[in-house]
Amino acid sequence: MTKGMKLLKYIMWNNELRRIPVIMMSAQDEVSIVVKCLRLGAADYLVKPLRTNELLNLWTHMWRRRREQG
């Protein structure tokens, strides 16, 4: 998880990359970790194992939101 958070921080601090929505995925479902990722700028957080419909719904939502924002 530490490597993922470091990568998330790098993406959010980079002006060229920060507009890319980042979805964090982990087997850890502790509330404190989820909150930390969201505060660092993650668009969402999914807990493994992933359910196909959950990932598809999130993907659809992310693209819809990006289209609305321009």
PDB file of N, CA and C in Angstrom:
ATOM      1  N   MET A   1       0.821  -1.198   0.000  1.00  0.00           N
ATOM      2  CA  MET A   1       0.000   0.000   0.000  1.00  0.00           C
ATOM      3  C   MET A   1       0.857   1.249   0.000  1.00  0.00           C
ATOM      4  N   THR A   2       2.001   1.181   0.649  1.00  0.00           N
ATOM      5  CA  THR A   2       2.880   2.342   0.731  1.00  0.00           C
ATOM      6  C   THR A   2       3.337   2.783  -0.657  1.00  0.00           C
ATOM      7  N   LYS A   3       3.691   1.836  -1.521  1.00  0.00           N
ATOM      8  CA  LYS A   3       4.120   2.184  -2.875  1.00  0.00           C
ATOM      9  C   LYS A   3       2.983   2.839  -3.652  1.00  0.00           C
ATOM     10  N   GLY A   4       1.781   2.344  -3.457  1.00  0.00           N
ATOM     11  CA  GLY A   4       0.623   2.922  -4.134  1.00  0.00           C
ATOM     12  C   GLY A   4       0.353   4.347  -3.682  1.00  0.00           C
ATOM     13  N   MET A   5       0.487   4.601  -2.393  1.00  0.00           N
ATOM     14  CA  MET A   5       0.268   5.958  -1.882  1.00  0.00           C
ATOM     15  C   MET A   5       1.364   6.904  -2.357  1.00  0.00           C
ATOM     16  N   LYS A   6       2.598   6.409  -2.444  1.00  0.00           N
ATOM     17  CA  LYS A   6       3.686   7.244  -2.967  1.00  0.00           C
ATOM     18  C   LYS A   6       3.419   7.610  -4.422  1.00  0.00           C
ATOM     19  N   LEU A   7       2.952   6.649  -5.197  1.00  0.00           N
ATOM     20  CA  LEU A   7       2.620   6.923  -6.585  1.00  0.00           C
ATOM     21  C   LEU A   7       1.458   7.906  -6.683  1.00  0.00           C
ATOM     22  N   LEU A   8       0.448   7.737  -5.848  1.00  0.00           N
ATOM     23  CA  LEU A   8      -0.685   8.662  -5.830  1.00  0.00           C
ATOM     24  C   LEU A   8      -0.217  10.076  -5.502  1.00  0.00           C
ATOM     25  N   LYS A   9       0.638  10.226  -4.509  1.00  0.00           N
ATOM     26  CA  LYS A   9       1.179  11.549  -4.158  1.00  0.00           C
ATOM     27  C   LYS A   9       1.923  12.159  -5.335  1.00  0.00           C
ATOM     28  N   TYR A  10       2.742  11.366  -6.001  1.00  0.00           N
ATOM     29  CA  TYR A  10       3.499  11.850  -7.152  1.00  0.00           C
ATOM     30  C   TYR A  10       2.558  12.344  -8.245  1.00  0.00           C
ATOM     31  N   ILE A  11       1.535  11.559  -8.533  1.00  0.00           N
ATOM     32  CA  ILE A  11       0.578  11.938  -9.575  1.00  0.00           C
ATOM     33  C   ILE A  11      -0.138  13.235  -9.206  1.00  0.00           C
ATOM     34  N   MET A  12      -0.561  13.350  -7.954  1.00  0.00           N
ATOM     35  CA  MET A  12      -1.304  14.539  -7.530  1.00  0.00           C
ATOM     36  C   MET A  12      -0.433  15.794  -7.455  1.00  0.00           C
ATOM     37  N   TRP A  13       0.847  15.632  -7.239  1.00  0.00           N
ATOM     38  CA  TRP A  13       1.745  16.791  -7.161  1.00  0.00           C
ATOM     39  C   TRP A  13       2.304  17.184  -8.515  1.00  0.00           C
ATOM     40  N   ASN A  14       2.076  16.364  -9.544  1.00  0.00           N
ATOM     41  CA  ASN A  14       2.562  16.650 -10.880  1.00  0.00           C
ATOM     42  C   ASN A  14       1.454  17.341 -11.672  1.00  0.00           C
ATOM     43  N   ASN A  15       1.711  18.572 -12.101  1.00  0.00           N
ATOM     44  CA  ASN A  15       0.673  19.358 -12.787  1.00  0.00           C
ATOM     45  C   ASN A  15       0.159  18.701 -14.062  1.00  0.00           C
ATOM     46  N   GLU A  16       0.999  17.942 -14.747  1.00  0.00           N
ATOM     47  CA  GLU A  16       0.569  17.296 -15.991  1.00  0.00           C
ATOM     48  C   GLU A  16      -0.244  16.028 -15.738  1.00  0.00           C
ATOM     49  N   LEU A  17      -0.026  15.388 -14.601  1.00  0.00           N
ATOM     50  CA  LEU A  17      -0.688  14.112 -14.318  1.00  0.00           C
ATOM     51  C   LEU A  17      -1.905  14.230 -13.414  1.00  0.00           C
ATOM     52  N   ARG A  18      -1.994  15.309 -12.658  1.00  0.00           N
ATOM     53  CA  ARG A  18      -3.021  15.390 -11.610  1.00  0.00           C
ATOM     54  C   ARG A  18      -4.454  15.340 -12.120  1.00  0.00           C
ATOM     55  N   ARG A  19      -4.667  15.603 -13.400  1.00  0.00           N
ATOM     56  CA  ARG A  19      -6.044  15.557 -13.913  1.00  0.00           C
ATOM     57  C   ARG A  19      -6.479  14.143 -14.284  1.00  0.00           C
ATOM     58  N   ILE A  20      -5.572  13.183 -14.184  1.00  0.00           N
ATOM     59  CA  ILE A  20      -5.907  11.780 -14.437  1.00  0.00           C
ATOM     60  C   ILE A  20      -6.600  11.212 -13.194  1.00  0.00           C
ATOM     61  N   PRO A  21      -7.812  10.710 -13.332  1.00  0.00           N
ATOM     62  CA  PRO A  21      -8.478  10.136 -12.157  1.00  0.00           C
ATOM     63  C   PRO A  21      -7.807   8.825 -11.740  1.00  0.00           C
ATOM     64  N   VAL A  22      -7.454   8.733 -10.477  1.00  0.00           N
ATOM     65  CA  VAL A  22      -6.776   7.551  -9.951  1.00  0.00           C
ATOM     66  C   VAL A  22      -7.739   6.786  -9.054  1.00  0.00           C
ATOM     67  N   ILE A  23      -7.887   5.514  -9.328  1.00  0.00           N
ATOM     68  CA  ILE A  23      -8.718   4.639  -8.512  1.00  0.00           C
ATOM     69  C   ILE A  23      -7.775   3.690  -7.781  1.00  0.00           C
ATOM     70  N   MET A  24      -7.756   3.778  -6.480  1.00  0.00           N
ATOM     71  CA  MET A  24      -6.896   2.911  -5.679  1.00  0.00           C
ATOM     72  C   MET A  24      -7.605   1.580  -5.462  1.00  0.00           C
ATOM     73  N   MET A  25      -6.821   0.493  -5.498  1.00  0.00           N
ATOM     74  CA  MET A  25      -7.352  -0.843  -5.259  1.00  0.00           C
ATOM     75  C   MET A  25      -6.447  -1.561  -4.278  1.00  0.00           C
ATOM     76  N   SER A  26      -7.039  -2.209  -3.293  1.00  0.00           N
ATOM     77  CA  SER A  26      -6.267  -2.931  -2.296  1.00  0.00           C
ATOM     78  C   SER A  26      -7.157  -3.956  -1.611  1.00  0.00           C
ATOM     79  N   ALA A  27      -6.528  -4.953  -1.021  1.00  0.00           N
ATOM     80  CA  ALA A  27      -7.260  -5.915  -0.214  1.00  0.00           C
ATOM     81  C   ALA A  27      -7.552  -5.346   1.166  1.00  0.00           C
ATOM     82  N   GLN A  28      -6.875  -4.250   1.515  1.00  0.00           N
ATOM     83  CA  GLN A  28      -7.092  -3.607   2.816  1.00  0.00           C
ATOM     84  C   GLN A  28      -8.330  -2.721   2.745  1.00  0.00           C
ATOM     85  N   ASP A  29      -9.220  -2.910   3.700  1.00  0.00           N
ATOM     86  CA  ASP A  29     -10.453  -2.115   3.694  1.00  0.00           C
ATOM     87  C   ASP A  29     -10.617  -1.297   4.967  1.00  0.00           C
ATOM     88  N   GLU A  30      -9.496  -0.957   5.592  1.00  0.00           N
ATOM     89  CA  GLU A  30      -9.564  -0.133   6.794  1.00  0.00           C
ATOM     90  C   GLU A  30     -10.001   1.283   6.414  1.00  0.00           C
ATOM     91  N   VAL A  31     -10.925   1.823   7.174  1.00  0.00           N
ATOM     92  CA  VAL A  31     -11.470   3.143   6.888  1.00  0.00           C
ATOM     93  C   VAL A  31     -10.367   4.189   6.843  1.00  0.00           C
ATOM     94  N   SER A  32      -9.394   4.108   7.737  1.00  0.00           N
ATOM     95  CA  SER A  32      -8.333   5.114   7.778  1.00  0.00           C
ATOM     96  C   SER A  32      -7.520   5.126   6.482  1.00  0.00           C
ATOM     97  N   ILE A  33      -7.296   3.968   5.894  1.00  0.00           N
ATOM     98  CA  ILE A  33      -6.548   3.898   4.635  1.00  0.00           C
ATOM     99  C   ILE A  33      -7.371   4.462   3.487  1.00  0.00           C
ATOM    100  N   VAL A  34      -8.644   4.114   3.446  1.00  0.00           N
ATOM    101  CA  VAL A  34      -9.525   4.638   2.402  1.00  0.00           C
ATOM    102  C   VAL A  34      -9.583   6.159   2.478  1.00  0.00           C
ATOM    103  N   VAL A  35      -9.783   6.690   3.674  1.00  0.00           N
ATOM    104  CA  VAL A  35      -9.870   8.141   3.864  1.00  0.00           C
ATOM    105  C   VAL A  35      -8.566   8.804   3.455  1.00  0.00           C
ATOM    106  N   LYS A  36      -7.440   8.230   3.823  1.00  0.00           N
ATOM    107  CA  LYS A  36      -6.140   8.805   3.472  1.00  0.00           C
ATOM    108  C   LYS A  36      -5.975   8.877   1.951  1.00  0.00           C
ATOM    109  N   CYS A  37      -6.334   7.817   1.257  1.00  0.00           N
ATOM    110  CA  CYS A  37      -6.231   7.813  -0.204  1.00  0.00           C
ATOM    111  C   CYS A  37      -7.124   8.881  -0.833  1.00  0.00           C
ATOM    112  N   LEU A  38      -8.336   8.995  -0.342  1.00  0.00           N
ATOM    113  CA  LEU A  38      -9.251   9.989  -0.883  1.00  0.00           C
ATOM    114  C   LEU A  38      -8.764  11.404  -0.585  1.00  0.00           C
ATOM    115  N   ARG A  39      -8.207  11.625   0.589  1.00  0.00           N
ATOM    116  CA  ARG A  39      -7.656  12.938   0.925  1.00  0.00           C
ATOM    117  C   ARG A  39      -6.436  13.280   0.080  1.00  0.00           C
ATOM    118  N   LEU A  40      -5.677  12.259  -0.307  1.00  0.00           N
ATOM    119  CA  LEU A  40      -4.512  12.489  -1.159  1.00  0.00           C
ATOM    120  C   LEU A  40      -4.901  12.781  -2.606  1.00  0.00           C
ATOM    121  N   GLY A  41      -6.168  12.531  -2.935  1.00  0.00           N
ATOM    122  CA  GLY A  41      -6.647  12.883  -4.266  1.00  0.00           C
ATOM    123  C   GLY A  41      -7.190  11.753  -5.106  1.00  0.00           C
ATOM    124  N   ALA A  42      -7.260  10.551  -4.560  1.00  0.00           N
ATOM    125  CA  ALA A  42      -7.817   9.436  -5.326  1.00  0.00           C
ATOM    126  C   ALA A  42      -9.278   9.702  -5.666  1.00  0.00           C
ATOM    127  N   ALA A  43      -9.659   9.323  -6.863  1.00  0.00           N
ATOM    128  CA  ALA A  43     -11.052   9.502  -7.287  1.00  0.00           C
ATOM    129  C   ALA A  43     -11.974   8.519  -6.582  1.00  0.00           C
ATOM    130  N   ASP A  44     -11.435   7.342  -6.265  1.00  0.00           N
ATOM    131  CA  ASP A  44     -12.234   6.328  -5.574  1.00  0.00           C
ATOM    132  C   ASP A  44     -11.310   5.252  -5.041  1.00  0.00           C
ATOM    133  N   TYR A  45     -11.870   4.331  -4.291  1.00  0.00           N
ATOM    134  CA  TYR A  45     -11.103   3.254  -3.658  1.00  0.00           C
ATOM    135  C   TYR A  45     -11.924   1.982  -3.752  1.00  0.00           C
ATOM    136  N   LEU A  46     -11.340   0.947  -4.309  1.00  0.00           N
ATOM    137  CA  LEU A  46     -12.025  -0.331  -4.431  1.00  0.00           C
ATOM    138  C   LEU A  46     -11.295  -1.382  -3.612  1.00  0.00           C
ATOM    139  N   VAL A  47     -12.059  -2.273  -3.015  1.00  0.00           N
ATOM    140  CA  VAL A  47     -11.489  -3.349  -2.199  1.00  0.00           C
ATOM    141  C   VAL A  47     -11.481  -4.634  -3.019  1.00  0.00           C
ATOM    142  N   LYS A  48     -10.325  -5.299  -3.039  1.00  0.00           N
ATOM    143  CA  LYS A  48     -10.187  -6.583  -3.723  1.00  0.00           C
ATOM    144  C   LYS A  48     -10.763  -7.680  -2.850  1.00  0.00           C
ATOM    145  N   PRO A  49     -11.311  -8.728  -3.387  1.00  0.00           N
ATOM    146  CA  PRO A  49     -11.437  -8.989  -4.814  1.00  0.00           C
ATOM    147  C   PRO A  49     -12.538  -8.123  -5.427  1.00  0.00           C
ATOM    148  N   LEU A  50     -12.290  -7.661  -6.629  1.00  0.00           N
ATOM    149  CA  LEU A  50     -13.230  -6.778  -7.303  1.00  0.00           C
ATOM    150  C   LEU A  50     -14.384  -7.564  -7.901  1.00  0.00           C
ATOM    151  N   ARG A  51     -15.528  -6.954  -7.857  1.00  0.00           N
ATOM    152  CA  ARG A  51     -16.693  -7.515  -8.542  1.00  0.00           C
ATOM    153  C   ARG A  51     -16.801  -6.798  -9.884  1.00  0.00           C
ATOM    154  N   THR A  52     -17.055  -7.536 -10.915  1.00  0.00           N
ATOM    155  CA  THR A  52     -17.086  -6.992 -12.267  1.00  0.00           C
ATOM    156  C   THR A  52     -18.075  -5.839 -12.388  1.00  0.00           C
ATOM    157  N   ASN A  53     -19.273  -5.995 -11.837  1.00  0.00           N
ATOM    158  CA  ASN A  53     -20.273  -4.933 -11.963  1.00  0.00           C
ATOM    159  C   ASN A  53     -19.852  -3.670 -11.203  1.00  0.00           C
ATOM    160  N   GLU A  54     -19.160  -3.834 -10.088  1.00  0.00           N
ATOM    161  CA  GLU A  54     -18.683  -2.679  -9.324  1.00  0.00           C
ATOM    162  C   GLU A  54     -17.667  -1.885 -10.147  1.00  0.00           C
ATOM    163  N   LEU A  55     -16.741  -2.572 -10.765  1.00  0.00           N
ATOM    164  CA  LEU A  55     -15.726  -1.919 -11.583  1.00  0.00           C
ATOM    165  C   LEU A  55     -16.359  -1.270 -12.815  1.00  0.00           C
ATOM    166  N   LEU A  56     -17.279  -1.939 -13.449  1.00  0.00           N
ATOM    167  CA  LEU A  56     -17.958  -1.388 -14.627  1.00  0.00           C
ATOM    168  C   LEU A  56     -18.751  -0.140 -14.275  1.00  0.00           C
ATOM    169  N   ASN A  57     -19.468  -0.157 -13.155  1.00  0.00           N
ATOM    170  CA  ASN A  57     -20.229   1.024 -12.726  1.00  0.00           C
ATOM    171  C   ASN A  57     -19.306   2.195 -12.432  1.00  0.00           C
ATOM    172  N   LEU A  58     -18.198   1.934 -11.770  1.00  0.00           N
ATOM    173  CA  LEU A  58     -17.249   3.002 -11.457  1.00  0.00           C
ATOM    174  C   LEU A  58     -16.643   3.565 -12.728  1.00  0.00           C
ATOM    175  N   TRP A  59     -16.254   2.699 -13.638  1.00  0.00           N
ATOM    176  CA  TRP A  59     -15.676   3.125 -14.910  1.00  0.00           C
ATOM    177  C   TRP A  59     -16.660   4.024 -15.672  1.00  0.00           C
ATOM    178  N   THR A  60     -17.909   3.609 -15.738  1.00  0.00           N
ATOM    179  CA  THR A  60     -18.939   4.398 -16.420  1.00  0.00           C
ATOM    180  C   THR A  60     -19.113   5.749 -15.749  1.00  0.00           C
ATOM    181  N   HIS A  61     -19.151   5.767 -14.431  1.00  0.00           N
ATOM    182  CA  HIS A  61     -19.300   7.020 -13.683  1.00  0.00           C
ATOM    183  C   HIS A  61     -18.118   7.957 -13.932  1.00  0.00           C
ATOM    184  N   MET A  62     -16.911   7.410 -13.923  1.00  0.00           N
ATOM    185  CA  MET A  62     -15.720   8.235 -14.124  1.00  0.00           C
ATOM    186  C   MET A  62     -15.718   8.867 -15.508  1.00  0.00           C
ATOM    187  N   TRP A  63     -16.046   8.094 -16.540  1.00  0.00           N
ATOM    188  CA  TRP A  63     -16.077   8.643 -17.895  1.00  0.00           C
ATOM    189  C   TRP A  63     -17.181   9.680 -18.054  1.00  0.00           C
ATOM    190  N   ARG A  64     -18.329   9.432 -17.439  1.00  0.00           N
ATOM    191  CA  ARG A  64     -19.422  10.392 -17.518  1.00  0.00           C
ATOM    192  C   ARG A  64     -19.024  11.718 -16.869  1.00  0.00           C
ATOM    193  N   ARG A  65     -18.391  11.636 -15.712  1.00  0.00           N
ATOM    194  CA  ARG A  65     -17.959  12.839 -14.999  1.00  0.00           C
ATOM    195  C   ARG A  65     -16.889  13.586 -15.802  1.00  0.00           C
ATOM    196  N   ARG A  66     -15.952  12.868 -16.399  1.00  0.00           N
ATOM    197  CA  ARG A  66     -14.915  13.511 -17.209  1.00  0.00           C
ATOM    198  C   ARG A  66     -15.523  14.218 -18.409  1.00  0.00           C
ATOM    199  N   ARG A  67     -16.517  13.588 -19.040  1.00  0.00           N
ATOM    200  CA  ARG A  67     -17.171  14.184 -20.202  1.00  0.00           C
ATOM    201  C   ARG A  67     -17.898  15.459 -19.815  1.00  0.00           C
ATOM    202  N   GLU A  68     -18.544  15.465 -18.649  1.00  0.00           N
ATOM    203  CA  GLU A  68     -19.273  16.642 -18.181  1.00  0.00           C
ATOM    204  C   GLU A  68     -18.336  17.794 -17.838  1.00  0.00           C
ATOM    205  N   GLN A  69     -17.144  17.465 -17.317  1.00  0.00           N
ATOM    206  CA  GLN A  69     -16.185  18.488 -16.934  1.00  0.00           C
ATOM    207  C   GLN A  69     -15.433  19.049 -18.144  1.00  0.00           C
ATOM    208  N   GLY A  70     -15.465  18.339 -19.233  1.00  0.00           N
ATOM    209  CA  GLY A  70     -14.794  18.812 -20.449  1.00  0.00           C
ATOM    210  C   GLY A  70     -13.480  18.239 -20.594  1.00  0.00           C
TER     211      GLY A  70
END
